[in-house]
Amino acid sequence: MFFYLLCAMLIINAFARDDTPLEECKDRGNERYCNSHKASGRCESENYKFIMKTNCRKTCNLCDE
């Protein structure tokens, strides 16, 4: 009986949705740092994309990437 209950719980859990975001969208850098990079166009630059996504995610609107 315990085995059937365990199987049922595993199946239910496999199809359950988790709508909580994995990570809060926020900047790691301070406001001045992120705003200066945004003003200089680094948010859109492919060369700076990784750095901006890591440090200034909210300011650069990179939360969905």
PDB file of N, CA and C in Angstrom:
ATOM      1  N   MET A   1       0.825  -1.199   0.000  1.00  0.00           N
ATOM      2  CA  MET A   1       0.000   0.000   0.000  1.00  0.00           C
ATOM      3  C   MET A   1       0.868   1.261   0.000  1.00  0.00           C
ATOM      4  N   PHE A   2       1.918   1.229   0.810  1.00  0.00           N
ATOM      5  CA  PHE A   2       2.832   2.376   0.866  1.00  0.00           C
ATOM      6  C   PHE A   2       3.460   2.635  -0.502  1.00  0.00           C
ATOM      7  N   PHE A   3       3.788   1.572  -1.205  1.00  0.00           N
ATOM      8  CA  PHE A   3       4.392   1.692  -2.531  1.00  0.00           C
ATOM      9  C   PHE A   3       3.459   2.422  -3.499  1.00  0.00           C
ATOM     10  N   TYR A   4       2.171   2.099  -3.471  1.00  0.00           N
ATOM     11  CA  TYR A   4       1.201   2.749  -4.346  1.00  0.00           C
ATOM     12  C   TYR A   4       1.052   4.233  -4.005  1.00  0.00           C
ATOM     13  N   LEU A   5       1.048   4.528  -2.731  1.00  0.00           N
ATOM     14  CA  LEU A   5       0.962   5.918  -2.293  1.00  0.00           C
ATOM     15  C   LEU A   5       2.194   6.696  -2.753  1.00  0.00           C
ATOM     16  N   LEU A   6       3.352   6.104  -2.615  1.00  0.00           N
ATOM     17  CA  LEU A   6       4.590   6.735  -3.048  1.00  0.00           C
ATOM     18  C   LEU A   6       4.580   6.983  -4.559  1.00  0.00           C
ATOM     19  N   CYS A   7       4.150   6.013  -5.326  1.00  0.00           N
ATOM     20  CA  CYS A   7       4.064   6.170  -6.785  1.00  0.00           C
ATOM     21  C   CYS A   7       3.088   7.276  -7.164  1.00  0.00           C
ATOM     22  N   ALA A   8       1.956   7.321  -6.507  1.00  0.00           N
ATOM     23  CA  ALA A   8       0.963   8.356  -6.793  1.00  0.00           C
ATOM     24  C   ALA A   8       1.523   9.740  -6.488  1.00  0.00           C
ATOM     25  N   MET A   9       2.217   9.878  -5.386  1.00  0.00           N
ATOM     26  CA  MET A   9       2.807  11.168  -5.025  1.00  0.00           C
ATOM     27  C   MET A   9       3.874  11.586  -6.028  1.00  0.00           C
ATOM     28  N   LEU A  10       4.671  10.659  -6.495  1.00  0.00           N
ATOM     29  CA  LEU A  10       5.700  10.971  -7.488  1.00  0.00           C
ATOM     30  C   LEU A  10       5.084  11.422  -8.806  1.00  0.00           C
ATOM     31  N   ILE A  11       4.019  10.763  -9.219  1.00  0.00           N
ATOM     32  CA  ILE A  11       3.346  11.135 -10.466  1.00  0.00           C
ATOM     33  C   ILE A  11       2.705  12.515 -10.340  1.00  0.00           C
ATOM     34  N   ILE A  12       2.041  12.766  -9.232  1.00  0.00           N
ATOM     35  CA  ILE A  12       1.416  14.075  -9.014  1.00  0.00           C
ATOM     36  C   ILE A  12       2.475  15.168  -8.996  1.00  0.00           C
ATOM     37  N   ASN A  13       3.579  14.922  -8.326  1.00  0.00           N
ATOM     38  CA  ASN A  13       4.654  15.904  -8.230  1.00  0.00           C
ATOM     39  C   ASN A  13       5.297  16.165  -9.592  1.00  0.00           C
ATOM     40  N   ALA A  14       5.355  15.170 -10.435  1.00  0.00           N
ATOM     41  CA  ALA A  14       5.977  15.326 -11.751  1.00  0.00           C
ATOM     42  C   ALA A  14       5.192  16.295 -12.629  1.00  0.00           C
ATOM     43  N   PHE A  15       3.891  16.386 -12.437  1.00  0.00           N
ATOM     44  CA  PHE A  15       3.065  17.254 -13.262  1.00  0.00           C
ATOM     45  C   PHE A  15       2.668  18.548 -12.561  1.00  0.00           C
ATOM     46  N   ALA A  16       3.103  18.752 -11.347  1.00  0.00           N
ATOM     47  CA  ALA A  16       2.779  19.974 -10.618  1.00  0.00           C
ATOM     48  C   ALA A  16       3.577  21.137 -11.195  1.00  0.00           C
ATOM     49  N   ARG A  17       2.955  22.303 -11.266  1.00  0.00           N
ATOM     50  CA  ARG A  17       3.624  23.490 -11.794  1.00  0.00           C
ATOM     51  C   ARG A  17       4.213  24.294 -10.655  1.00  0.00           C
ATOM     52  N   ASP A  18       5.367  24.836 -10.907  1.00  0.00           N
ATOM     53  CA  ASP A  18       6.009  25.718  -9.944  1.00  0.00           C
ATOM     54  C   ASP A  18       6.162  27.077 -10.611  1.00  0.00           C
ATOM     55  N   ASP A  19       5.307  28.020 -10.244  1.00  0.00           N
ATOM     56  CA  ASP A  19       5.296  29.325 -10.895  1.00  0.00           C
ATOM     57  C   ASP A  19       6.203  30.343 -10.225  1.00  0.00           C
ATOM     58  N   THR A  20       6.983  29.926  -9.259  1.00  0.00           N
ATOM     59  CA  THR A  20       7.872  30.875  -8.613  1.00  0.00           C
ATOM     60  C   THR A  20       9.094  31.108  -9.485  1.00  0.00           C
ATOM     61  N   PRO A  21       9.512  32.361  -9.621  1.00  0.00           N
ATOM     62  CA  PRO A  21      10.696  32.636 -10.436  1.00  0.00           C
ATOM     63  C   PRO A  21      11.942  32.048  -9.790  1.00  0.00           C
ATOM     64  N   LEU A  22      12.883  31.644 -10.631  1.00  0.00           N
ATOM     65  CA  LEU A  22      14.106  31.045 -10.120  1.00  0.00           C
ATOM     66  C   LEU A  22      14.981  32.063  -9.419  1.00  0.00           C
ATOM     67  N   GLU A  23      14.994  33.261  -9.933  1.00  0.00           N
ATOM     68  CA  GLU A  23      15.866  34.278  -9.373  1.00  0.00           C
ATOM     69  C   GLU A  23      15.176  35.629  -9.478  1.00  0.00           C
ATOM     70  N   GLU A  24      15.277  36.413  -8.426  1.00  0.00           N
ATOM     71  CA  GLU A  24      14.693  37.742  -8.441  1.00  0.00           C
ATOM     72  C   GLU A  24      15.450  38.622  -9.429  1.00  0.00           C
ATOM     73  N   CYS A  25      14.724  39.421 -10.165  1.00  0.00           N
ATOM     74  CA  CYS A  25      15.356  40.314 -11.135  1.00  0.00           C
ATOM     75  C   CYS A  25      15.831  41.562 -10.409  1.00  0.00           C
ATOM     76  N   LYS A  26      17.131  41.661 -10.225  1.00  0.00           N
ATOM     77  CA  LYS A  26      17.700  42.834  -9.567  1.00  0.00           C
ATOM     78  C   LYS A  26      19.128  43.047 -10.061  1.00  0.00           C
ATOM     79  N   ASP A  27      19.618  44.232  -9.811  1.00  0.00           N
ATOM     80  CA  ASP A  27      20.985  44.575 -10.180  1.00  0.00           C
ATOM     81  C   ASP A  27      21.930  44.195  -9.053  1.00  0.00           C
ATOM     82  N   ARG A  28      23.082  43.658  -9.412  1.00  0.00           N
ATOM     83  CA  ARG A  28      24.132  43.405  -8.423  1.00  0.00           C
ATOM     84  C   ARG A  28      24.970  44.658  -8.210  1.00  0.00           C
ATOM     85  N   GLY A  29      25.150  45.402  -9.297  1.00  0.00           N
ATOM     86  CA  GLY A  29      25.893  46.658  -9.208  1.00  0.00           C
ATOM     87  C   GLY A  29      25.016  47.739  -8.609  1.00  0.00           C
ATOM     88  N   ASN A  30      25.657  48.817  -8.148  1.00  0.00           N
ATOM     89  CA  ASN A  30      24.851  49.895  -7.582  1.00  0.00           C
ATOM     90  C   ASN A  30      24.188  50.700  -8.698  1.00  0.00           C
ATOM     91  N   GLU A  31      23.289  51.571  -8.330  1.00  0.00           N
ATOM     92  CA  GLU A  31      22.477  52.306  -9.299  1.00  0.00           C
ATOM     93  C   GLU A  31      23.337  53.173 -10.219  1.00  0.00           C
ATOM     94  N   ARG A  32      24.319  53.844  -9.658  1.00  0.00           N
ATOM     95  CA  ARG A  32      25.193  54.713 -10.458  1.00  0.00           C
ATOM     96  C   ARG A  32      25.965  53.907 -11.501  1.00  0.00           C
ATOM     97  N   TYR A  33      26.499  52.775 -11.094  1.00  0.00           N
ATOM     98  CA  TYR A  33      27.263  51.895 -11.986  1.00  0.00           C
ATOM     99  C   TYR A  33      26.398  51.436 -13.160  1.00  0.00           C
ATOM    100  N   CYS A  34      25.228  50.924 -12.865  1.00  0.00           N
ATOM    101  CA  CYS A  34      24.356  50.388 -13.915  1.00  0.00           C
ATOM    102  C   CYS A  34      23.812  51.481 -14.827  1.00  0.00           C
ATOM    103  N   ASN A  35      23.435  52.608 -14.259  1.00  0.00           N
ATOM    104  CA  ASN A  35      22.913  53.695 -15.087  1.00  0.00           C
ATOM    105  C   ASN A  35      23.980  54.257 -16.020  1.00  0.00           C
ATOM    106  N   SER A  36      25.226  54.317 -15.564  1.00  0.00           N
ATOM    107  CA  SER A  36      26.288  54.830 -16.437  1.00  0.00           C
ATOM    108  C   SER A  36      26.549  53.869 -17.593  1.00  0.00           C
ATOM    109  N   HIS A  37      26.500  52.573 -17.332  1.00  0.00           N
ATOM    110  CA  HIS A  37      26.684  51.595 -18.405  1.00  0.00           C
ATOM    111  C   HIS A  37      25.509  51.626 -19.383  1.00  0.00           C
ATOM    112  N   LYS A  38      24.316  51.812 -18.870  1.00  0.00           N
ATOM    113  CA  LYS A  38      23.150  51.891 -19.752  1.00  0.00           C
ATOM    114  C   LYS A  38      23.237  53.127 -20.638  1.00  0.00           C
ATOM    115  N   ALA A  39      23.623  54.257 -20.047  1.00  0.00           N
ATOM    116  CA  ALA A  39      23.736  55.506 -20.805  1.00  0.00           C
ATOM    117  C   ALA A  39      24.793  55.414 -21.900  1.00  0.00           C
ATOM    118  N   SER A  40      25.827  54.622 -21.672  1.00  0.00           N
ATOM    119  CA  SER A  40      26.891  54.498 -22.673  1.00  0.00           C
ATOM    120  C   SER A  40      26.588  53.421 -23.715  1.00  0.00           C
ATOM    121  N   GLY A  41      25.422  52.762 -23.616  1.00  0.00           N
ATOM    122  CA  GLY A  41      25.003  51.792 -24.627  1.00  0.00           C
ATOM    123  C   GLY A  41      25.525  50.384 -24.427  1.00  0.00           C
ATOM    124  N   ARG A  42      26.091  50.104 -23.289  1.00  0.00           N
ATOM    125  CA  ARG A  42      26.655  48.775 -23.052  1.00  0.00           C
ATOM    126  C   ARG A  42      25.588  47.701 -22.850  1.00  0.00           C
ATOM    127  N   CYS A  43      24.378  48.093 -22.512  1.00  0.00           N
ATOM    128  CA  CYS A  43      23.307  47.101 -22.340  1.00  0.00           C
ATOM    129  C   CYS A  43      22.986  46.401 -23.661  1.00  0.00           C
ATOM    130  N   GLU A  44      23.115  47.124 -24.761  1.00  0.00           N
ATOM    131  CA  GLU A  44      22.800  46.571 -26.076  1.00  0.00           C
ATOM    132  C   GLU A  44      24.015  45.976 -26.773  1.00  0.00           C
ATOM    133  N   SER A  45      25.198  46.218 -26.254  1.00  0.00           N
ATOM    134  CA  SER A  45      26.432  45.750 -26.889  1.00  0.00           C
ATOM    135  C   SER A  45      26.636  44.257 -26.658  1.00  0.00           C
ATOM    136  N   GLU A  46      26.905  43.531 -27.735  1.00  0.00           N
ATOM    137  CA  GLU A  46      27.170  42.091 -27.620  1.00  0.00           C
ATOM    138  C   GLU A  46      28.440  41.829 -26.811  1.00  0.00           C
ATOM    139  N   ASN A  47      29.401  42.744 -26.878  1.00  0.00           N
ATOM    140  CA  ASN A  47      30.656  42.572 -26.139  1.00  0.00           C
ATOM    141  C   ASN A  47      30.454  42.651 -24.626  1.00  0.00           C
ATOM    142  N   TYR A  48      29.444  43.381 -24.190  1.00  0.00           N
ATOM    143  CA  TYR A  48      29.195  43.575 -22.762  1.00  0.00           C
ATOM    144  C   TYR A  48      27.965  42.823 -22.264  1.00  0.00           C
ATOM    145  N   LYS A  49      27.306  42.085 -23.137  1.00  0.00           N
ATOM    146  CA  LYS A  49      26.029  41.435 -22.794  1.00  0.00           C
ATOM    147  C   LYS A  49      26.131  40.557 -21.540  1.00  0.00           C
ATOM    148  N   PHE A  50      27.179  39.734 -21.455  1.00  0.00           N
ATOM    149  CA  PHE A  50      27.315  38.843 -20.301  1.00  0.00           C
ATOM    150  C   PHE A  50      27.512  39.642 -19.014  1.00  0.00           C
ATOM    151  N   ILE A  51      28.352  40.658 -19.076  1.00  0.00           N
ATOM    152  CA  ILE A  51      28.624  41.478 -17.888  1.00  0.00           C
ATOM    153  C   ILE A  51      27.366  42.217 -17.452  1.00  0.00           C
ATOM    154  N   MET A  52      26.644  42.765 -18.410  1.00  0.00           N
ATOM    155  CA  MET A  52      25.429  43.508 -18.083  1.00  0.00           C
ATOM    156  C   MET A  52      24.336  42.579 -17.558  1.00  0.00           C
ATOM    157  N   LYS A  53      24.255  41.390 -18.118  1.00  0.00           N
ATOM    158  CA  LYS A  53      23.257  40.423 -17.644  1.00  0.00           C
ATOM    159  C   LYS A  53      23.581  39.973 -16.220  1.00  0.00           C
ATOM    160  N   THR A  54      24.845  39.912 -15.897  1.00  0.00           N
ATOM    161  CA  THR A  54      25.266  39.492 -14.565  1.00  0.00           C
ATOM    162  C   THR A  54      25.107  40.606 -13.536  1.00  0.00           C
ATOM    163  N   ASN A  55      25.509  41.817 -13.897  1.00  0.00           N
ATOM    164  CA  ASN A  55      25.582  42.899 -12.912  1.00  0.00           C
ATOM    165  C   ASN A  55      24.429  43.892 -12.942  1.00  0.00           C
ATOM    166  N   CYS A  56      23.823  44.100 -14.103  1.00  0.00           N
ATOM    167  CA  CYS A  56      22.795  45.139 -14.241  1.00  0.00           C
ATOM    168  C   CYS A  56      21.548  44.611 -14.937  1.00  0.00           C
ATOM    169  N   ARG A  57      21.121  43.454 -14.540  1.00  0.00           N
ATOM    170  CA  ARG A  57      20.001  42.765 -15.185  1.00  0.00           C
ATOM    171  C   ARG A  57      18.724  43.610 -15.219  1.00  0.00           C
ATOM    172  N   LYS A  58      18.361  44.222 -14.124  1.00  0.00           N
ATOM    173  CA  LYS A  58      17.115  44.991 -14.062  1.00  0.00           C
ATOM    174  C   LYS A  58      17.228  46.288 -14.858  1.00  0.00           C
ATOM    175  N   THR A  59      18.300  47.025 -14.675  1.00  0.00           N
ATOM    176  CA  THR A  59      18.487  48.297 -15.371  1.00  0.00           C
ATOM    177  C   THR A  59      18.509  48.112 -16.879  1.00  0.00           C
ATOM    178  N   CYS A  60      19.135  47.039 -17.344  1.00  0.00           N
ATOM    179  CA  CYS A  60      19.260  46.783 -18.782  1.00  0.00           C
ATOM    180  C   CYS A  60      18.077  46.005 -19.357  1.00  0.00           C
ATOM    181  N   ASN A  61      17.065  45.729 -18.549  1.00  0.00           N
ATOM    182  CA  ASN A  61      15.880  44.968 -18.988  1.00  0.00           C
ATOM    183  C   ASN A  61      16.262  43.605 -19.564  1.00  0.00           C
ATOM    184  N   LEU A  62      17.127  42.889 -18.867  1.00  0.00           N
ATOM    185  CA  LEU A  62      17.582  41.575 -19.313  1.00  0.00           C
ATOM    186  C   LEU A  62      17.047  40.451 -18.428  1.00  0.00           C
ATOM    187  N   CYS A  63      15.954  40.693 -17.752  1.00  0.00           N
ATOM    188  CA  CYS A  63      15.419  39.710 -16.804  1.00  0.00           C
ATOM    189  C   CYS A  63      14.883  38.458 -17.483  1.00  0.00           C
ATOM    190  N   ASP A  64      14.378  38.583 -18.689  1.00  0.00           N
ATOM    191  CA  ASP A  64      13.762  37.444 -19.363  1.00  0.00           C
ATOM    192  C   ASP A  64      14.743  36.627 -20.178  1.00  0.00           C
ATOM    193  N   GLU A  65      15.978  37.041 -20.218  1.00  0.00           N
ATOM    194  CA  GLU A  65      16.972  36.314 -21.020  1.00  0.00           C
ATOM    195  C   GLU A  65      17.698  35.294 -20.191  1.00  0.00           C
TER     196      GLU A  65
END
